[in-house]
PDB file of N, CA and C in Angstrom:
ATOM      1  N   MET A   1      12.515 -16.924  -5.756  1.00  0.00           N
ATOM      2  CA  MET A   1      13.571 -17.311  -6.668  1.00  0.00           C
ATOM      3  C   MET A   1      13.611 -16.333  -7.837  1.00  0.00           C
ATOM      4  N   SER A   2      14.794 -15.986  -8.224  1.00  0.00           N
ATOM      5  CA  SER A   2      15.010 -15.046  -9.311  1.00  0.00           C
ATOM      6  C   SER A   2      14.981 -15.770 -10.655  1.00  0.00           C
ATOM      7  N   TRP A   3      14.480 -15.112 -11.673  1.00  0.00           N
ATOM      8  CA  TRP A   3      14.504 -15.699 -13.014  1.00  0.00           C
ATOM      9  C   TRP A   3      15.856 -15.469 -13.669  1.00  0.00           C
ATOM     10  N   ILE A   4      16.697 -14.630 -13.049  1.00  0.00           N
ATOM     11  CA  ILE A   4      18.071 -14.436 -13.499  1.00  0.00           C
ATOM     12  C   ILE A   4      18.952 -15.302 -12.613  1.00  0.00           C
ATOM     13  N   GLU A   5      19.775 -16.136 -13.226  1.00  0.00           N
ATOM     14  CA  GLU A   5      20.652 -17.007 -12.454  1.00  0.00           C
ATOM     15  C   GLU A   5      21.678 -16.168 -11.702  1.00  0.00           C
ATOM     16  N   ILE A   6      21.795 -16.438 -10.422  1.00  0.00           N
ATOM     17  CA  ILE A   6      22.736 -15.700  -9.576  1.00  0.00           C
ATOM     18  C   ILE A   6      23.500 -16.668  -8.682  1.00  0.00           C
ATOM     19  N   ILE A   7      24.591 -16.171  -8.140  1.00  0.00           N
ATOM     20  CA  ILE A   7      25.332 -16.893  -7.108  1.00  0.00           C
ATOM     21  C   ILE A   7      25.065 -16.149  -5.801  1.00  0.00           C
ATOM     22  N   PRO A   8      24.394 -16.787  -4.847  1.00  0.00           N
ATOM     23  CA  PRO A   8      24.088 -16.102  -3.584  1.00  0.00           C
ATOM     24  C   PRO A   8      25.350 -15.866  -2.757  1.00  0.00           C
ATOM     25  N   PHE A   9      25.242 -14.956  -1.804  1.00  0.00           N
ATOM     26  CA  PHE A   9      26.376 -14.582  -0.949  1.00  0.00           C
ATOM     27  C   PHE A   9      27.029 -15.806  -0.319  1.00  0.00           C
ATOM     28  N   ASP A  10      26.229 -16.706   0.232  1.00  0.00           N
ATOM     29  CA  ASP A  10      26.794 -17.847   0.964  1.00  0.00           C
ATOM     30  C   ASP A  10      27.475 -18.876   0.067  1.00  0.00           C
ATOM     31  N   LYS A  11      27.321 -18.762  -1.246  1.00  0.00           N
ATOM     32  CA  LYS A  11      27.972 -19.688  -2.182  1.00  0.00           C
ATOM     33  C   LYS A  11      29.117 -19.010  -2.953  1.00  0.00           C
ATOM     34  N   ALA A  12      29.294 -17.722  -2.745  1.00  0.00           N
ATOM     35  CA  ALA A  12      30.312 -16.968  -3.487  1.00  0.00           C
ATOM     36  C   ALA A  12      31.713 -17.336  -3.025  1.00  0.00           C
ATOM     37  N   LYS A  13      32.658 -17.272  -3.972  1.00  0.00           N
ATOM     38  CA  LYS A  13      34.067 -17.568  -3.683  1.00  0.00           C
ATOM     39  C   LYS A  13      34.936 -16.555  -4.403  1.00  0.00           C
ATOM     40  N   GLY A  14      36.172 -16.441  -3.942  1.00  0.00           N
ATOM     41  CA  GLY A  14      37.172 -15.644  -4.625  1.00  0.00           C
ATOM     42  C   GLY A  14      36.780 -14.194  -4.812  1.00  0.00           C
ATOM     43  N   LYS A  15      36.977 -13.703  -6.045  1.00  0.00           N
ATOM     44  CA  LYS A  15      36.722 -12.307  -6.375  1.00  0.00           C
ATOM     45  C   LYS A  15      35.279 -11.915  -6.093  1.00  0.00           C
ATOM     46  N   LEU A  16      34.322 -12.778  -6.449  1.00  0.00           N
ATOM     47  CA  LEU A  16      32.911 -12.471  -6.207  1.00  0.00           C
ATOM     48  C   LEU A  16      32.656 -12.309  -4.720  1.00  0.00           C
ATOM     49  N   LYS A  17      33.204 -13.172  -3.912  1.00  0.00           N
ATOM     50  CA  LYS A  17      33.014 -13.081  -2.451  1.00  0.00           C
ATOM     51  C   LYS A  17      33.568 -11.750  -1.933  1.00  0.00           C
ATOM     52  N   ARG A  18      34.748 -11.363  -2.417  1.00  0.00           N
ATOM     53  CA  ARG A  18      35.352 -10.094  -1.973  1.00  0.00           C
ATOM     54  C   ARG A  18      34.485  -8.903  -2.394  1.00  0.00           C
ATOM     55  N   LEU A  19      33.935  -8.950  -3.608  1.00  0.00           N
ATOM     56  CA  LEU A  19      33.058  -7.870  -4.057  1.00  0.00           C
ATOM     57  C   LEU A  19      31.786  -7.822  -3.233  1.00  0.00           C
ATOM     58  N   TYR A  20      31.192  -8.986  -2.995  1.00  0.00           N
ATOM     59  CA  TYR A  20      29.991  -9.034  -2.162  1.00  0.00           C
ATOM     60  C   TYR A  20      30.265  -8.426  -0.791  1.00  0.00           C
ATOM     61  N   GLU A  21      31.412  -8.744  -0.221  1.00  0.00           N
ATOM     62  CA  GLU A  21      31.739  -8.236   1.116  1.00  0.00           C
ATOM     63  C   GLU A  21      31.827  -6.709   1.135  1.00  0.00           C
ATOM     64  N   ARG A  22      32.129  -6.107   0.000  1.00  0.00           N
ATOM     65  CA  ARG A  22      32.190  -4.633  -0.090  1.00  0.00           C
ATOM     66  C   ARG A  22      30.809  -4.001  -0.149  1.00  0.00           C
ATOM     67  N   VAL A  23      29.797  -4.757  -0.594  1.00  0.00           N
ATOM     68  CA  VAL A  23      28.473  -4.158  -0.822  1.00  0.00           C
ATOM     69  C   VAL A  23      27.374  -4.720   0.068  1.00  0.00           C
ATOM     70  N   THR A  24      27.730  -5.589   0.993  1.00  0.00           N
ATOM     71  CA  THR A  24      26.698  -6.210   1.823  1.00  0.00           C
ATOM     72  C   THR A  24      26.126  -5.237   2.837  1.00  0.00           C
ATOM     73  N   GLY A  25      24.863  -5.466   3.130  1.00  0.00           N
ATOM     74  CA  GLY A  25      24.182  -4.747   4.186  1.00  0.00           C
ATOM     75  C   GLY A  25      24.047  -5.663   5.381  1.00  0.00           C
ATOM     76  N   PRO A  26      23.105  -5.350   6.268  1.00  0.00           N
ATOM     77  CA  PRO A  26      22.876  -6.200   7.435  1.00  0.00           C
ATOM     78  C   PRO A  26      22.558  -7.639   7.025  1.00  0.00           C
ATOM     79  N   ASN A  27      23.015  -8.583   7.807  1.00  0.00           N
ATOM     80  CA  ASN A  27      22.789 -10.017   7.583  1.00  0.00           C
ATOM     81  C   ASN A  27      23.315 -10.481   6.229  1.00  0.00           C
ATOM     82  N   ASN A  28      24.417  -9.885   5.784  1.00  0.00           N
ATOM     83  CA  ASN A  28      25.022 -10.225   4.490  1.00  0.00           C
ATOM     84  C   ASN A  28      24.054 -10.053   3.330  1.00  0.00           C
ATOM     85  N   ASN A  29      23.156  -9.089   3.448  1.00  0.00           N
ATOM     86  CA  ASN A  29      22.213  -8.802   2.374  1.00  0.00           C
ATOM     87  C   ASN A  29      22.933  -8.093   1.225  1.00  0.00           C
ATOM     88  N   VAL A  30      22.734  -8.611   0.012  1.00  0.00           N
ATOM     89  CA  VAL A  30      23.285  -7.998  -1.191  1.00  0.00           C
ATOM     90  C   VAL A  30      22.100  -7.556  -2.034  1.00  0.00           C
ATOM     91  N   ASP A  31      22.083  -6.274  -2.433  1.00  0.00           N
ATOM     92  CA  ASP A  31      20.996  -5.763  -3.267  1.00  0.00           C
ATOM     93  C   ASP A  31      20.884  -6.578  -4.551  1.00  0.00           C
ATOM     94  N   ASN A  32      19.661  -6.781  -4.990  1.00  0.00           N
ATOM     95  CA  ASN A  32      19.417  -7.548  -6.216  1.00  0.00           C
ATOM     96  C   ASN A  32      20.176  -7.003  -7.414  1.00  0.00           C
ATOM     97  N   ILE A  33      20.302  -5.688  -7.491  1.00  0.00           N
ATOM     98  CA  ILE A  33      20.989  -5.080  -8.626  1.00  0.00           C
ATOM     99  C   ILE A  33      22.449  -5.533  -8.682  1.00  0.00           C
ATOM    100  N   MET A  34      23.030  -5.868  -7.541  1.00  0.00           N
ATOM    101  CA  MET A  34      24.398  -6.389  -7.519  1.00  0.00           C
ATOM    102  C   MET A  34      24.425  -7.898  -7.750  1.00  0.00           C
ATOM    103  N   LEU A  35      23.431  -8.593  -7.230  1.00  0.00           N
ATOM    104  CA  LEU A  35      23.383 -10.050  -7.416  1.00  0.00           C
ATOM    105  C   LEU A  35      23.331 -10.438  -8.893  1.00  0.00           C
ATOM    106  N   VAL A  36      22.685  -9.625  -9.718  1.00  0.00           N
ATOM    107  CA  VAL A  36      22.572  -9.998 -11.137  1.00  0.00           C
ATOM    108  C   VAL A  36      23.924  -9.973 -11.844  1.00  0.00           C
ATOM    109  N   HIS A  37      24.922  -9.386 -11.224  1.00  0.00           N
ATOM    110  CA  HIS A  37      26.269  -9.372 -11.802  1.00  0.00           C
ATOM    111  C   HIS A  37      27.087 -10.591 -11.393  1.00  0.00           C
ATOM    112  N   SER A  38      26.543 -11.466 -10.583  1.00  0.00           N
ATOM    113  CA  SER A  38      27.348 -12.503  -9.936  1.00  0.00           C
ATOM    114  C   SER A  38      28.032 -13.472 -10.902  1.00  0.00           C
ATOM    115  N   LEU A  39      27.459 -13.706 -12.072  1.00  0.00           N
ATOM    116  CA  LEU A  39      28.104 -14.615 -13.018  1.00  0.00           C
ATOM    117  C   LEU A  39      29.260 -13.948 -13.758  1.00  0.00           C
ATOM    118  N   ARG A  40      29.297 -12.633 -13.710  1.00  0.00           N
ATOM    119  CA  ARG A  40      30.375 -11.863 -14.343  1.00  0.00           C
ATOM    120  C   ARG A  40      30.802 -10.737 -13.391  1.00  0.00           C
ATOM    121  N   PRO A  41      31.609 -11.068 -12.383  1.00  0.00           N
ATOM    122  CA  PRO A  41      31.979 -10.081 -11.365  1.00  0.00           C
ATOM    123  C   PRO A  41      32.617  -8.804 -11.917  1.00  0.00           C
ATOM    124  N   ASN A  42      33.278  -8.888 -13.085  1.00  0.00           N
ATOM    125  CA  ASN A  42      33.879  -7.665 -13.638  1.00  0.00           C
ATOM    126  C   ASN A  42      32.816  -6.618 -13.945  1.00  0.00           C
ATOM    127  N   THR A  43      31.597  -7.055 -14.284  1.00  0.00           N
ATOM    128  CA  THR A  43      30.536  -6.081 -14.536  1.00  0.00           C
ATOM    129  C   THR A  43      30.074  -5.439 -13.229  1.00  0.00           C
ATOM    130  N   MET A  44      30.176  -6.180 -12.126  1.00  0.00           N
ATOM    131  CA  MET A  44      29.844  -5.608 -10.822  1.00  0.00           C
ATOM    132  C   MET A  44      30.853  -4.518 -10.471  1.00  0.00           C
ATOM    133  N   GLU A  45      32.119  -4.759 -10.775  1.00  0.00           N
ATOM    134  CA  GLU A  45      33.134  -3.730 -10.521  1.00  0.00           C
ATOM    135  C   GLU A  45      32.823  -2.464 -11.322  1.00  0.00           C
ATOM    136  N   GLY A  46      32.429  -2.626 -12.575  1.00  0.00           N
ATOM    137  CA  GLY A  46      32.064  -1.483 -13.400  1.00  0.00           C
ATOM    138  C   GLY A  46      30.862  -0.749 -12.850  1.00  0.00           C
ATOM    139  N   HIS A  47      29.863  -1.504 -12.438  1.00  0.00           N
ATOM    140  CA  HIS A  47      28.654  -0.915 -11.846  1.00  0.00           C
ATOM    141  C   HIS A  47      29.026  -0.095 -10.613  1.00  0.00           C
ATOM    142  N   MET A  48      29.856  -0.675  -9.752  1.00  0.00           N
ATOM    143  CA  MET A  48      30.245   0.001  -8.526  1.00  0.00           C
ATOM    144  C   MET A  48      31.039   1.273  -8.836  1.00  0.00           C
ATOM    145  N   ALA A  49      31.917   1.227  -9.819  1.00  0.00           N
ATOM    146  CA  ALA A  49      32.730   2.397 -10.175  1.00  0.00           C
ATOM    147  C   ALA A  49      31.846   3.532 -10.689  1.00  0.00           C
ATOM    148  N   ILE A  50      30.908   3.220 -11.567  1.00  0.00           N
ATOM    149  CA  ILE A  50      30.009   4.248 -12.092  1.00  0.00           C
ATOM    150  C   ILE A  50      29.153   4.826 -10.980  1.00  0.00           C
ATOM    151  N   TYR A  51      28.590   3.958 -10.144  1.00  0.00           N
ATOM    152  CA  TYR A  51      27.742   4.402  -9.040  1.00  0.00           C
ATOM    153  C   TYR A  51      28.505   5.372  -8.133  1.00  0.00           C
ATOM    154  N   LYS A  52      29.723   5.002  -7.779  1.00  0.00           N
ATOM    155  CA  LYS A  52      30.522   5.856  -6.889  1.00  0.00           C
ATOM    156  C   LYS A  52      30.838   7.196  -7.551  1.00  0.00           C
ATOM    157  N   LYS A  53      31.192   7.194  -8.816  1.00  0.00           N
ATOM    158  CA  LYS A  53      31.541   8.442  -9.511  1.00  0.00           C
ATOM    159  C   LYS A  53      30.322   9.348  -9.670  1.00  0.00           C
ATOM    160  N   VAL A  54      29.166   8.755  -9.952  1.00  0.00           N
ATOM    161  CA  VAL A  54      27.968   9.555 -10.189  1.00  0.00           C
ATOM    162  C   VAL A  54      27.382  10.076  -8.883  1.00  0.00           C
ATOM    163  N   LEU A  55      27.253   9.232  -7.894  1.00  0.00           N
ATOM    164  CA  LEU A  55      26.554   9.634  -6.676  1.00  0.00           C
ATOM    165  C   LEU A  55      27.450  10.010  -5.497  1.00  0.00           C
ATOM    166  N   HIS A  56      28.656   9.508  -5.445  1.00  0.00           N
ATOM    167  CA  HIS A  56      29.426   9.679  -4.210  1.00  0.00           C
ATOM    168  C   HIS A  56      30.839  10.205  -4.423  1.00  0.00           C
ATOM    169  N   HIS A  57      31.111  10.815  -5.544  1.00  0.00           N
ATOM    170  CA  HIS A  57      32.453  11.340  -5.791  1.00  0.00           C
ATOM    171  C   HIS A  57      32.666  12.622  -4.990  1.00  0.00           C
ATOM    172  N   SER A  58      33.851  12.792  -4.447  1.00  0.00           N
ATOM    173  CA  SER A  58      34.136  13.944  -3.586  1.00  0.00           C
ATOM    174  C   SER A  58      34.080  15.284  -4.329  1.00  0.00           C
ATOM    175  N   GLU A  59      34.192  15.271  -5.649  1.00  0.00           N
ATOM    176  CA  GLU A  59      34.150  16.521  -6.415  1.00  0.00           C
ATOM    177  C   GLU A  59      32.732  16.902  -6.871  1.00  0.00           C
ATOM    178  N   ASN A  60      31.751  16.101  -6.523  1.00  0.00           N
ATOM    179  CA  ASN A  60      30.368  16.466  -6.854  1.00  0.00           C
ATOM    180  C   ASN A  60      30.017  17.765  -6.141  1.00  0.00           C
ATOM    181  N   THR A  61      29.372  18.660  -6.867  1.00  0.00           N
ATOM    182  CA  THR A  61      28.962  19.920  -6.250  1.00  0.00           C
ATOM    183  C   THR A  61      27.497  19.902  -5.856  1.00  0.00           C
ATOM    184  N   LEU A  62      26.733  18.960  -6.387  1.00  0.00           N
ATOM    185  CA  LEU A  62      25.328  18.840  -6.009  1.00  0.00           C
ATOM    186  C   LEU A  62      25.206  18.012  -4.742  1.00  0.00           C
ATOM    187  N   PRO A  63      24.274  18.356  -3.867  1.00  0.00           N
ATOM    188  CA  PRO A  63      24.096  17.578  -2.636  1.00  0.00           C
ATOM    189  C   PRO A  63      23.672  16.143  -2.953  1.00  0.00           C
ATOM    190  N   LYS A  64      24.086  15.217  -2.089  1.00  0.00           N
ATOM    191  CA  LYS A  64      23.767  13.798  -2.303  1.00  0.00           C
ATOM    192  C   LYS A  64      22.260  13.552  -2.344  1.00  0.00           C
ATOM    193  N   TRP A  65      21.494  14.257  -1.505  1.00  0.00           N
ATOM    194  CA  TRP A  65      20.036  14.046  -1.505  1.00  0.00           C
ATOM    195  C   TRP A  65      19.455  14.424  -2.866  1.00  0.00           C
ATOM    196  N   TYR A  66      20.015  15.439  -3.513  1.00  0.00           N
ATOM    197  CA  TYR A  66      19.522  15.869  -4.821  1.00  0.00           C
ATOM    198  C   TYR A  66      19.855  14.810  -5.874  1.00  0.00           C
ATOM    199  N   LEU A  67      21.063  14.244  -5.791  1.00  0.00           N
ATOM    200  CA  LEU A  67      21.442  13.180  -6.719  1.00  0.00           C
ATOM    201  C   LEU A  67      20.556  11.949  -6.537  1.00  0.00           C
ATOM    202  N   GLU A  68      20.211  11.635  -5.287  1.00  0.00           N
ATOM    203  CA  GLU A  68      19.289  10.515  -5.038  1.00  0.00           C
ATOM    204  C   GLU A  68      17.906  10.831  -5.605  1.00  0.00           C
ATOM    205  N   THR A  69      17.483  12.098  -5.505  1.00  0.00           N
ATOM    206  CA  THR A  69      16.207  12.503  -6.095  1.00  0.00           C
ATOM    207  C   THR A  69      16.230  12.263  -7.597  1.00  0.00           C
ATOM    208  N   LEU A  70      17.334  12.619  -8.239  1.00  0.00           N
ATOM    209  CA  LEU A  70      17.465  12.341  -9.671  1.00  0.00           C
ATOM    210  C   LEU A  70      17.409  10.839  -9.945  1.00  0.00           C
ATOM    211  N   GLY A  71      18.018  10.047  -9.049  1.00  0.00           N
ATOM    212  CA  GLY A  71      17.955   8.593  -9.180  1.00  0.00           C
ATOM    213  C   GLY A  71      16.528   8.078  -9.101  1.00  0.00           C
ATOM    214  N   VAL A  72      15.745   8.645  -8.188  1.00  0.00           N
ATOM    215  CA  VAL A  72      14.326   8.267  -8.076  1.00  0.00           C
ATOM    216  C   VAL A  72      13.609   8.596  -9.381  1.00  0.00           C
ATOM    217  N   TYR A  73      13.820   9.797  -9.891  1.00  0.00           N
ATOM    218  CA  TYR A  73      13.099  10.227 -11.091  1.00  0.00           C
ATOM    219  C   TYR A  73      13.500   9.417 -12.323  1.00  0.00           C
ATOM    220  N   VAL A  74      14.782   9.199 -12.516  1.00  0.00           N
ATOM    221  CA  VAL A  74      15.228   8.390 -13.665  1.00  0.00           C
ATOM    222  C   VAL A  74      14.663   6.975 -13.560  1.00  0.00           C
ATOM    223  N   SER A  75      14.638   6.433 -12.357  1.00  0.00           N
ATOM    224  CA  SER A  75      14.074   5.099 -12.164  1.00  0.00           C
ATOM    225  C   SER A  75      12.586   5.068 -12.479  1.00  0.00           C
ATOM    226  N   MET A  76      11.878   6.160 -12.142  1.00  0.00           N
ATOM    227  CA  MET A  76      10.465   6.261 -12.518  1.00  0.00           C
ATOM    228  C   MET A  76      10.313   6.266 -14.039  1.00  0.00           C
ATOM    229  N   LEU A  77      11.148   7.057 -14.704  1.00  0.00           N
ATOM    230  CA  LEU A  77      11.089   7.116 -16.168  1.00  0.00           C
ATOM    231  C   LEU A  77      11.392   5.759 -16.792  1.00  0.00           C
ATOM    232  N   ASN A  78      12.306   5.021 -16.179  1.00  0.00           N
ATOM    233  CA  ASN A  78      12.657   3.680 -16.661  1.00  0.00           C
ATOM    234  C   ASN A  78      11.653   2.611 -16.229  1.00  0.00           C
ATOM    235  N   GLN A  79      10.679   3.013 -15.432  1.00  0.00           N
ATOM    236  CA  GLN A  79       9.654   2.115 -14.907  1.00  0.00           C
ATOM    237  C   GLN A  79      10.257   0.936 -14.143  1.00  0.00           C
ATOM    238  N   CYS A  80      11.270   1.257 -13.328  1.00  0.00           N
ATOM    239  CA  CYS A  80      11.919   0.239 -12.507  1.00  0.00           C
ATOM    240  C   CYS A  80      11.555   0.482 -11.043  1.00  0.00           C
ATOM    241  N   ASP A  81      10.512  -0.182 -10.596  1.00  0.00           N
ATOM    242  CA  ASP A  81      10.043   0.005  -9.219  1.00  0.00           C
ATOM    243  C   ASP A  81      11.111  -0.350  -8.191  1.00  0.00           C
ATOM    244  N   TYR A  82      11.885  -1.379  -8.472  1.00  0.00           N
ATOM    245  CA  TYR A  82      12.952  -1.775  -7.552  1.00  0.00           C
ATOM    246  C   TYR A  82      13.927  -0.616  -7.350  1.00  0.00           C
ATOM    247  N   CYS A  83      14.348   0.013  -8.449  1.00  0.00           N
ATOM    248  CA  CYS A  83      15.308   1.124  -8.362  1.00  0.00           C
ATOM    249  C   CYS A  83      14.676   2.355  -7.730  1.00  0.00           C
ATOM    250  N   VAL A  84      13.400   2.602  -8.019  1.00  0.00           N
ATOM    251  CA  VAL A  84      12.697   3.712  -7.361  1.00  0.00           C
ATOM    252  C   VAL A  84      12.772   3.512  -5.851  1.00  0.00           C
ATOM    253  N   ASP A  85      12.421   2.316  -5.400  1.00  0.00           N
ATOM    254  CA  ASP A  85      12.438   2.030  -3.963  1.00  0.00           C
ATOM    255  C   ASP A  85      13.837   2.188  -3.373  1.00  0.00           C
ATOM    256  N   HIS A  86      14.844   1.698  -4.091  1.00  0.00           N
ATOM    257  CA  HIS A  86      16.228   1.767  -3.613  1.00  0.00           C
ATOM    258  C   HIS A  86      16.680   3.222  -3.473  1.00  0.00           C
ATOM    259  N   HIS A  87      16.488   4.021  -4.517  1.00  0.00           N
ATOM    260  CA  HIS A  87      16.917   5.421  -4.455  1.00  0.00           C
ATOM    261  C   HIS A  87      16.070   6.235  -3.481  1.00  0.00           C
ATOM    262  N   PHE A  88      14.787   5.902  -3.383  1.00  0.00           N
ATOM    263  CA  PHE A  88      13.932   6.624  -2.435  1.00  0.00           C
ATOM    264  C   PHE A  88      14.358   6.339  -0.998  1.00  0.00           C
ATOM    265  N   ALA A  89      14.742   5.105  -0.720  1.00  0.00           N
ATOM    266  CA  ALA A  89      15.248   4.785   0.626  1.00  0.00           C
ATOM    267  C   ALA A  89      16.501   5.610   0.918  1.00  0.00           C
ATOM    268  N   GLY A  90      17.369   5.752  -0.084  1.00  0.00           N
ATOM    269  CA  GLY A  90      18.558   6.581   0.088  1.00  0.00           C
ATOM    270  C   GLY A  90      18.206   8.039   0.312  1.00  0.00           C
ATOM    271  N   LEU A  91      17.214   8.541  -0.429  1.00  0.00           N
ATOM    272  CA  LEU A  91      16.763   9.919  -0.272  1.00  0.00           C
ATOM    273  C   LEU A  91      16.238  10.156   1.140  1.00  0.00           C
ATOM    274  N   LYS A  92      15.399   9.246   1.627  1.00  0.00           N
ATOM    275  CA  LYS A  92      14.855   9.386   2.979  1.00  0.00           C
ATOM    276  C   LYS A  92      15.965   9.375   4.029  1.00  0.00           C
ATOM    277  N   ARG A  93      16.919   8.502   3.831  1.00  0.00           N
ATOM    278  CA  ARG A  93      18.034   8.409   4.783  1.00  0.00           C
ATOM    279  C   ARG A  93      18.836   9.718   4.795  1.00  0.00           C
ATOM    280  N   LEU A  94      19.096  10.266   3.617  1.00  0.00           N
ATOM    281  CA  LEU A  94      19.888  11.495   3.531  1.00  0.00           C
ATOM    282  C   LEU A  94      19.144  12.715   4.078  1.00  0.00           C
ATOM    283  N   LEU A  95      17.833  12.791   3.845  1.00  0.00           N
ATOM    284  CA  LEU A  95      17.047  13.929   4.326  1.00  0.00           C
ATOM    285  C   LEU A  95      16.732  13.845   5.810  1.00  0.00           C
ATOM    286  N   SER A  96      16.631  12.643   6.335  1.00  0.00           N
ATOM    287  CA  SER A  96      16.194  12.432   7.726  1.00  0.00           C
ATOM    288  C   SER A  96      14.858  13.118   7.982  1.00  0.00           C
ATOM    289  N   ASP A  97      14.006  13.129   6.971  1.00  0.00           N
ATOM    290  CA  ASP A  97      12.694  13.767   7.071  1.00  0.00           C
ATOM    291  C   ASP A  97      11.757  13.056   6.097  1.00  0.00           C
ATOM    292  N   ASP A  98      11.058  12.029   6.604  1.00  0.00           N
ATOM    293  CA  ASP A  98      10.193  11.217   5.742  1.00  0.00           C
ATOM    294  C   ASP A  98       9.100  12.034   5.075  1.00  0.00           C
ATOM    295  N   GLU A  99       8.543  13.008   5.790  1.00  0.00           N
ATOM    296  CA  GLU A  99       7.466  13.812   5.219  1.00  0.00           C
ATOM    297  C   GLU A  99       7.977  14.598   4.007  1.00  0.00           C
ATOM    298  N   LYS A 100       9.121  15.217   4.144  1.00  0.00           N
ATOM    299  CA  LYS A 100       9.685  15.992   3.034  1.00  0.00           C
ATOM    300  C   LYS A 100      10.039  15.064   1.873  1.00  0.00           C
ATOM    301  N   ALA A 101      10.611  13.910   2.172  1.00  0.00           N
ATOM    302  CA  ALA A 101      10.953  12.948   1.121  1.00  0.00           C
ATOM    303  C   ALA A 101       9.692  12.492   0.383  1.00  0.00           C
ATOM    304  N   ASN A 102       8.628  12.228   1.122  1.00  0.00           N
ATOM    305  CA  ASN A 102       7.371  11.801   0.494  1.00  0.00           C
ATOM    306  C   ASN A 102       6.792  12.894  -0.397  1.00  0.00           C
ATOM    307  N   ARG A 103       6.909  14.153   0.028  1.00  0.00           N
ATOM    308  CA  ARG A 103       6.405  15.259  -0.801  1.00  0.00           C
ATOM    309  C   ARG A 103       7.242  15.410  -2.073  1.00  0.00           C
ATOM    310  N   ILE A 104       8.542  15.229  -1.948  1.00  0.00           N
ATOM    311  CA  ILE A 104       9.399  15.287  -3.137  1.00  0.00           C
ATOM    312  C   ILE A 104       9.026  14.167  -4.104  1.00  0.00           C
ATOM    313  N   LYS A 105       8.844  12.964  -3.568  1.00  0.00           N
ATOM    314  CA  LYS A 105       8.472  11.839  -4.438  1.00  0.00           C
ATOM    315  C   LYS A 105       7.131  12.098  -5.101  1.00  0.00           C
ATOM    316  N   GLN A 106       6.174  12.611  -4.362  1.00  0.00           N
ATOM    317  CA  GLN A 106       4.865  12.908  -4.944  1.00  0.00           C
ATOM    318  C   GLN A 106       4.997  13.950  -6.054  1.00  0.00           C
ATOM    319  N   GLY A 107       5.853  14.947  -5.852  1.00  0.00           N
ATOM    320  CA  GLY A 107       6.097  15.939  -6.890  1.00  0.00           C
ATOM    321  C   GLY A 107       6.698  15.324  -8.143  1.00  0.00           C
ATOM    322  N   LEU A 108       7.549  14.317  -7.962  1.00  0.00           N
ATOM    323  CA  LEU A 108       8.115  13.615  -9.113  1.00  0.00           C
ATOM    324  C   LEU A 108       7.051  12.797  -9.828  1.00  0.00           C
ATOM    325  N   VAL A 109       6.210  12.129  -9.050  1.00  0.00           N
ATOM    326  CA  VAL A 109       5.137  11.306  -9.630  1.00  0.00           C
ATOM    327  C   VAL A 109       4.180  12.172 -10.440  1.00  0.00           C
ATOM    328  N   THR A 110       3.801  13.317  -9.892  1.00  0.00           N
ATOM    329  CA  THR A 110       2.819  14.180 -10.558  1.00  0.00           C
ATOM    330  C   THR A 110       3.470  15.175 -11.523  1.00  0.00           C
ATOM    331  N   ARG A 111       4.800  15.165 -11.536  1.00  0.00           N
ATOM    332  CA  ARG A 111       5.578  16.056 -12.410  1.00  0.00           C
ATOM    333  C   ARG A 111       5.256  17.533 -12.162  1.00  0.00           C
ATOM    334  N   THR A 112       5.115  17.855 -10.890  1.00  0.00           N
ATOM    335  CA  THR A 112       4.902  19.252 -10.498  1.00  0.00           C
ATOM    336  C   THR A 112       6.234  19.824 -10.029  1.00  0.00           C
ATOM    337  N   PHE A 113       7.158  19.933 -10.961  1.00  0.00           N
ATOM    338  CA  PHE A 113       8.520  20.326 -10.634  1.00  0.00           C
ATOM    339  C   PHE A 113       8.627  21.749 -10.097  1.00  0.00           C
ATOM    340  N   GLU A 114       7.797  22.650 -10.616  1.00  0.00           N
ATOM    341  CA  GLU A 114       7.871  24.029 -10.144  1.00  0.00           C
ATOM    342  C   GLU A 114       7.572  24.110  -8.654  1.00  0.00           C
ATOM    343  N   SER A 115       6.564  23.388  -8.214  1.00  0.00           N
ATOM    344  CA  SER A 115       6.234  23.423  -6.793  1.00  0.00           C
ATOM    345  C   SER A 115       7.329  22.752  -5.969  1.00  0.00           C
ATOM    346  N   LEU A 116       7.972  21.764  -6.524  1.00  0.00           N
ATOM    347  CA  LEU A 116       9.092  21.132  -5.822  1.00  0.00           C
ATOM    348  C   LEU A 116      10.211  22.130  -5.604  1.00  0.00           C
ATOM    349  N   THR A 117      10.551  22.839  -6.635  1.00  0.00           N
ATOM    350  CA  THR A 117      11.669  23.774  -6.565  1.00  0.00           C
ATOM    351  C   THR A 117      11.395  24.882  -5.557  1.00  0.00           C
ATOM    352  N   THR A 118      10.233  25.475  -5.634  1.00  0.00           N
ATOM    353  CA  THR A 118       9.968  26.624  -4.763  1.00  0.00           C
ATOM    354  C   THR A 118       9.599  26.223  -3.345  1.00  0.00           C
ATOM    355  N   THR A 119       8.950  25.106  -3.185  1.00  0.00           N
ATOM    356  CA  THR A 119       8.460  24.742  -1.860  1.00  0.00           C
ATOM    357  C   THR A 119       9.415  23.871  -1.077  1.00  0.00           C
ATOM    358  N   TYR A 120      10.020  22.879  -1.710  1.00  0.00           N
ATOM    359  CA  TYR A 120      10.769  21.893  -0.949  1.00  0.00           C
ATOM    360  C   TYR A 120      12.263  21.944  -1.150  1.00  0.00           C
ATOM    361  N   ILE A 121      12.706  22.103  -2.352  1.00  0.00           N
ATOM    362  CA  ILE A 121      14.126  21.997  -2.609  1.00  0.00           C
ATOM    363  C   ILE A 121      14.889  23.237  -2.149  1.00  0.00           C
ATOM    364  N   GLU A 122      14.365  24.425  -2.394  1.00  0.00           N
ATOM    365  CA  GLU A 122      15.088  25.633  -1.988  1.00  0.00           C
ATOM    366  C   GLU A 122      15.252  25.719  -0.480  1.00  0.00           C
ATOM    367  N   GLY A 123      14.339  25.124   0.258  1.00  0.00           N
ATOM    368  CA  GLY A 123      14.406  25.183   1.713  1.00  0.00           C
ATOM    369  C   GLY A 123      15.323  24.162   2.333  1.00  0.00           C
ATOM    370  N   LEU A 124      15.923  23.299   1.521  1.00  0.00           N
ATOM    371  CA  LEU A 124      16.791  22.269   2.084  1.00  0.00           C
ATOM    372  C   LEU A 124      18.221  22.702   2.171  1.00  0.00           C
TER     373      LEU A 124
END
């Protein structure tokens, strides 16, 4: 049970239900970061708009895997393990190489950015 009051997917109606349907994963799973917006769906719309513009806009010139890497690092700085896990899962999916993703994450954890740049990122 969450300490933040939420409306679960199966109880959602109207606008909230439509928003949930846009962000659901398998088995109608809605990420916790979206569930916390359930009492104020307009904030979920804002969250989704920012997320799309930052990570998935067609005019982005940086590769998506690199943007997800930044998401992992910012989440580490914010000490949000949930967000680290979420962005890291996205990074692994985009790279299709768990070993490389794990080395990038380790470089972020140890803050060995120079080795990341020369060893892992330039080769991608």
